[in-house]
Amino acid sequence: MNRVIKYVVLDILRNKIVLAYTFILFTVSFSVFSLEDNSAKGLLTLLNLVLFIVPLVSIIFSTIYIYNSAEFIELLLSQPLKRRNIWLSLFSGLSASLSLAFLIGCGLPILFYEPTVTGLFMVIIGCFLSVIFVSIAMLAAVSIRDKSKGIGVAILLWLYFSVIFDGLVLFFLFQFADYPIEKMMIGISAFNPIDLSRIIVLLRLDVSALMGYTGAVFKLFLGNITGFLVAFGSLILWILVPLGLSLRKFIRKDL
């Protein structure tokens, strides 16, 4: 299993797309912090880029990699290896590689300009998003045999979590504006890892006032240790649930 993980990690780190992804993140991160006179403002600007770019690259790259590794996976299956170990090795290799790319591209500039707990939270959230969307990508890839359809579904999933979900939430808020639904929004946000990540970092930046009364509710619930544990627990579930479903499908799938 460790040999498979090592091979996947080395193979991905040599990939030109991953190298370009790391370089772009590194350049953008340093540029953002250099242009802003306040590192907290730079972190807020970088947050929007991270929430957009990291999930997109993670889900599309991982989906394509799984499809392109079909022959390699079949070769592994011909060896005395358990399917469970093969799939978890692929997941571990993809997650480690993309997380490392994020750590080098964004983590180093963030910790250099903002060596605080807030900066550390930002780095942790970026790694979580990388792993979460690798997990979602693997579920999409193993569920759909056709490569073009699988990549299309991966893009639609990213589009849903990044754009469509917020539109649906806004529609819901306008329709029920006369009712006290702010507390319900905490539960609804847990169904979107990107929104949940945004809220965690914004609360650490102490700009929850920008989110109005709903922000005050989030501050009241997530502004303490218990709230943060619940929030990070939800992010962990976003890793484990898609991974568990994909693993179950892979074990039962007729290749």
Protein backbone atom coordinates (compact mmCIF):
# COMPACT_ATOMS: atom_id res chain seq x y z
CA MET A 1 0.00 0.00 0.00
CA ASN A 2 2.82 2.41 0.87
CA ARG A 3 4.52 1.68 -2.46
CA VAL A 4 1.34 2.54 -4.35
CA ILE A 5 0.95 5.80 -2.41
CA LYS A 6 4.60 6.68 -3.07
CA TYR A 7 4.19 5.99 -6.79
CA VAL A 8 1.00 8.07 -7.04
CA VAL A 9 2.54 11.00 -5.12
CA LEU A 10 5.72 11.03 -7.24
CA ASP A 11 3.71 10.68 -10.44
CA ILE A 12 1.41 13.60 -9.56
CA LEU A 13 4.19 15.88 -8.30
CA ARG A 14 5.92 15.50 -11.66
CA ASN A 15 2.73 16.46 -13.47
CA LYS A 16 3.04 19.82 -15.26
CA ILE A 17 -0.51 20.81 -14.32
CA VAL A 18 0.20 20.36 -10.61
CA LEU A 19 3.48 22.27 -10.94
CA ALA A 20 1.67 25.10 -12.75
CA TYR A 21 -1.08 25.03 -10.10
CA THR A 22 1.51 25.38 -7.33
CA PHE A 23 3.34 28.18 -9.15
CA ILE A 24 0.13 30.13 -9.82
CA LEU A 25 -0.98 29.84 -6.19
CA PHE A 26 2.46 30.94 -5.00
CA THR A 27 2.57 33.93 -7.36
CA VAL A 28 -0.98 35.05 -6.62
CA SER A 29 -0.51 34.70 -2.86
CA PHE A 30 2.64 36.81 -2.75
CA SER A 31 1.08 39.36 -5.11
CA VAL A 32 -2.05 39.71 -2.94
CA PHE A 33 -0.07 40.24 0.25
CA SER A 34 2.35 42.63 -1.47
CA LEU A 35 -0.45 44.83 -2.85
CA GLU A 36 -2.39 45.04 0.44
CA ASP A 37 -1.08 47.30 3.18
CA ASN A 38 -2.80 45.12 5.79
CA SER A 39 -2.08 41.38 5.93
CA ALA A 40 -5.61 40.71 7.25
CA LYS A 41 -7.07 42.34 4.12
CA GLY A 42 -4.73 40.27 1.98
CA LEU A 43 -5.90 37.13 3.76
CA LEU A 44 -9.53 38.06 3.08
CA THR A 45 -8.79 38.64 -0.61
CA LEU A 46 -6.88 35.40 -0.85
CA LEU A 47 -9.74 33.53 0.85
CA ASN A 48 -12.06 34.23 -2.10
CA LEU A 49 -9.44 32.94 -4.55
CA VAL A 50 -8.76 29.82 -2.49
CA LEU A 51 -12.46 28.98 -2.19
CA PHE A 52 -12.77 29.26 -5.98
CA ILE A 53 -9.54 27.76 -7.33
CA VAL A 54 -8.67 24.96 -4.88
CA PRO A 55 -11.98 23.02 -5.19
CA LEU A 56 -12.00 23.46 -8.98
CA VAL A 57 -8.48 22.13 -9.53
CA SER A 58 -8.84 19.37 -6.95
CA ILE A 59 -12.07 17.91 -8.33
CA ILE A 60 -11.22 18.16 -12.03
CA PHE A 61 -7.62 16.96 -11.73
CA SER A 62 -8.57 14.05 -9.46
CA THR A 63 -11.41 12.95 -11.75
CA ILE A 64 -9.20 12.99 -14.84
CA TYR A 65 -6.39 11.22 -12.99
CA ILE A 66 -8.66 8.36 -11.91
CA TYR A 67 -9.94 7.86 -15.47
CA ASN A 68 -6.43 8.03 -16.94
CA SER A 69 -5.20 5.52 -14.35
CA ALA A 70 -7.70 2.84 -15.40
CA GLU A 71 -4.99 0.56 -16.84
CA PHE A 72 -2.78 1.09 -13.80
CA ILE A 73 -5.70 0.21 -11.50
CA GLU A 74 -6.42 -2.94 -13.53
CA LEU A 75 -2.74 -3.90 -13.21
CA LEU A 76 -2.92 -3.47 -9.44
CA LEU A 77 -6.09 -5.57 -9.32
CA SER A 78 -4.24 -8.41 -11.01
CA GLN A 79 -1.82 -8.43 -8.08
CA PRO A 80 -2.57 -9.97 -4.65
CA LEU A 81 -3.83 -6.65 -3.32
CA LYS A 82 -7.15 -5.87 -1.71
CA ARG A 83 -9.40 -3.48 -3.58
CA ARG A 84 -9.84 -1.48 -0.39
CA ASN A 85 -6.08 -0.87 -0.12
CA ILE A 86 -5.79 0.08 -3.78
CA TRP A 87 -8.57 2.67 -3.60
CA LEU A 88 -7.38 4.13 -0.31
CA SER A 89 -3.84 4.34 -1.70
CA LEU A 90 -5.08 6.33 -4.71
CA PHE A 91 -7.04 8.61 -2.39
CA SER A 92 -4.07 9.10 -0.07
CA GLY A 93 -1.71 9.83 -2.97
CA LEU A 94 -4.03 12.37 -4.60
CA SER A 95 -4.86 14.05 -1.27
CA ALA A 96 -1.22 14.26 -0.17
CA SER A 97 -0.04 15.64 -3.53
CA LEU A 98 -2.71 18.33 -3.89
CA SER A 99 -2.43 19.29 -0.22
CA LEU A 100 1.34 19.62 -0.60
CA ALA A 101 0.86 21.76 -3.70
CA PHE A 102 -1.47 24.03 -1.72
CA LEU A 103 0.90 24.18 1.25
CA ILE A 104 3.77 25.29 -0.98
CA GLY A 105 1.67 27.61 -3.15
CA CYS A 106 -0.46 29.30 -0.50
CA GLY A 107 0.66 27.97 2.87
CA LEU A 108 4.17 29.38 2.79
CA PRO A 109 3.14 32.95 1.78
CA ILE A 110 0.28 32.94 4.31
CA LEU A 111 2.47 31.80 7.19
CA PHE A 112 5.17 34.27 6.12
CA TYR A 113 2.90 37.34 6.02
CA GLU A 114 0.27 36.24 8.57
CA PRO A 115 1.98 33.91 11.11
CA THR A 116 -1.07 33.88 13.38
CA VAL A 117 -3.79 31.44 14.39
CA THR A 118 -6.00 32.96 11.68
CA GLY A 119 -3.36 32.29 9.03
CA LEU A 120 -2.98 28.73 10.30
CA PHE A 121 -6.77 28.27 10.07
CA MET A 122 -6.63 29.46 6.46
CA VAL A 123 -3.94 26.91 5.60
CA ILE A 124 -5.85 24.09 7.34
CA ILE A 125 -9.07 25.02 5.53
CA GLY A 126 -7.28 24.96 2.17
CA CYS A 127 -5.94 21.46 2.88
CA PHE A 128 -9.40 20.32 3.97
CA LEU A 129 -10.94 21.61 0.74
CA SER A 130 -8.27 19.82 -1.31
CA VAL A 131 -8.98 16.49 0.38
CA ILE A 132 -12.77 16.96 0.36
CA PHE A 133 -12.95 17.55 -3.39
CA VAL A 134 -10.57 14.67 -4.07
CA SER A 135 -13.05 12.48 -2.18
CA ILE A 136 -16.00 13.87 -4.17
CA ALA A 137 -14.09 13.45 -7.45
CA MET A 138 -13.36 9.80 -6.71
CA LEU A 139 -17.03 9.17 -6.01
CA ALA A 140 -17.97 10.78 -9.34
CA ALA A 141 -15.30 8.84 -11.24
CA VAL A 142 -16.21 5.43 -9.82
CA SER A 143 -19.94 6.02 -10.28
CA ILE A 144 -19.78 6.94 -13.98
CA ARG A 145 -17.92 4.73 -16.44
CA ASP A 146 -17.84 7.23 -19.33
CA LYS A 147 -14.94 9.67 -18.96
CA SER A 148 -16.56 12.70 -20.59
CA LYS A 149 -19.73 12.33 -18.51
CA GLY A 150 -17.71 11.85 -15.35
CA ILE A 151 -15.69 15.01 -15.92
CA GLY A 152 -18.91 16.86 -16.76
CA VAL A 153 -20.50 15.72 -13.49
CA ALA A 154 -17.38 16.80 -11.57
CA ILE A 155 -17.60 20.29 -13.09
CA LEU A 156 -21.32 20.49 -12.30
CA LEU A 157 -20.66 19.45 -8.69
CA TRP A 158 -18.05 22.19 -8.34
CA LEU A 159 -20.44 24.69 -9.96
CA TYR A 160 -23.18 23.64 -7.54
CA PHE A 161 -21.05 24.04 -4.43
CA SER A 162 -19.40 27.29 -5.62
CA VAL A 163 -22.31 29.17 -7.23
CA ILE A 164 -25.68 27.41 -7.39
CA PHE A 165 -25.89 26.56 -3.69
CA ASP A 166 -25.50 30.23 -2.71
CA GLY A 167 -28.21 31.19 -5.19
CA LEU A 168 -30.58 28.62 -3.72
CA VAL A 169 -29.84 29.86 -0.20
CA LEU A 170 -30.51 33.47 -1.22
CA PHE A 171 -33.78 32.43 -2.82
CA PHE A 172 -34.72 30.58 0.36
CA LEU A 173 -33.86 33.63 2.48
CA PHE A 174 -35.96 35.98 0.34
CA GLN A 175 -38.93 33.62 0.36
CA PHE A 176 -38.89 33.24 4.15
CA ALA A 177 -37.53 36.65 5.09
CA ASP A 178 -40.37 37.23 7.56
CA TYR A 179 -39.49 34.13 9.59
CA PRO A 180 -36.64 33.64 12.09
CA ILE A 181 -34.63 31.18 10.00
CA GLU A 182 -31.13 32.41 10.87
CA LYS A 183 -30.45 29.44 13.16
CA MET A 184 -31.59 27.10 10.40
CA MET A 185 -28.89 28.59 8.17
CA ILE A 186 -26.23 26.99 10.37
CA GLY A 187 -27.54 23.54 9.48
CA ILE A 188 -27.99 24.44 5.81
CA SER A 189 -24.39 25.69 5.54
CA ALA A 190 -23.14 22.30 6.74
CA PHE A 191 -24.35 20.87 3.40
CA ASN A 192 -21.74 22.92 1.53
CA PRO A 193 -18.06 22.52 2.50
CA ILE A 194 -17.09 25.72 0.69
CA ASP A 195 -19.61 27.84 2.60
CA LEU A 196 -18.65 26.17 5.86
CA SER A 197 -14.97 26.89 5.19
CA ARG A 198 -15.72 30.50 4.34
CA ILE A 199 -17.67 31.00 7.56
CA ILE A 200 -14.90 29.48 9.72
CA VAL A 201 -12.23 31.80 8.30
CA LEU A 202 -14.47 34.90 8.34
CA LEU A 203 -15.26 34.34 11.99
CA ARG A 204 -11.55 34.05 12.75
CA LEU A 205 -11.02 37.33 10.91
CA ASP A 206 -13.77 38.85 13.07
CA VAL A 207 -15.66 40.23 10.08
CA SER A 208 -18.89 38.35 10.83
CA ALA A 209 -20.60 41.74 11.04
CA LEU A 210 -20.39 41.84 7.25
CA MET A 211 -22.82 38.89 7.22
CA GLY A 212 -25.53 40.79 9.14
CA TYR A 213 -27.73 39.17 11.75
CA THR A 214 -26.97 35.72 10.34
CA GLY A 215 -23.32 36.45 10.97
CA ALA A 216 -24.13 37.21 14.59
CA VAL A 217 -25.86 33.82 14.88
CA PHE A 218 -22.82 32.09 13.40
CA LYS A 219 -20.58 34.06 15.76
CA LEU A 220 -22.69 32.95 18.71
CA PHE A 221 -22.63 29.26 17.72
CA LEU A 222 -19.29 28.82 15.96
CA GLY A 223 -17.37 31.48 17.84
CA ASN A 224 -16.40 29.09 20.62
CA ILE A 225 -14.39 25.88 20.84
CA THR A 226 -17.45 23.63 20.64
CA GLY A 227 -18.68 25.42 17.52
CA PHE A 228 -15.34 25.10 15.77
CA LEU A 229 -15.16 21.40 16.66
CA VAL A 230 -18.63 20.90 15.16
CA ALA A 231 -17.62 22.83 12.03
CA PHE A 232 -14.43 20.85 11.54
CA GLY A 233 -16.32 17.64 12.33
CA SER A 234 -18.67 18.49 9.46
CA LEU A 235 -15.69 18.99 7.13
CA ILE A 236 -14.30 15.59 8.18
CA LEU A 237 -17.68 14.02 7.33
CA TRP A 238 -17.42 15.62 3.89
CA ILE A 239 -14.22 13.62 3.45
CA LEU A 240 -15.36 10.32 4.94
CA VAL A 241 -18.88 10.04 3.46
CA PRO A 242 -17.98 10.43 -0.25
CA LEU A 243 -14.85 8.32 0.28
CA GLY A 244 -16.85 5.57 1.97
CA LEU A 245 -19.45 5.57 -0.81
CA SER A 246 -16.78 5.48 -3.53
CA LEU A 247 -14.92 2.69 -1.75
CA ARG A 248 -18.11 0.63 -1.52
CA LYS A 249 -18.80 1.15 -5.23
CA PHE A 250 -15.21 0.32 -6.20
CA ILE A 251 -15.21 -2.93 -4.21
CA ARG A 252 -18.44 -4.05 -5.88
CA LYS A 253 -17.67 -2.69 -9.35
CA ASP A 254 -17.07 -5.09 -12.22
CA LEU A 255 -14.00 -3.77 -14.02
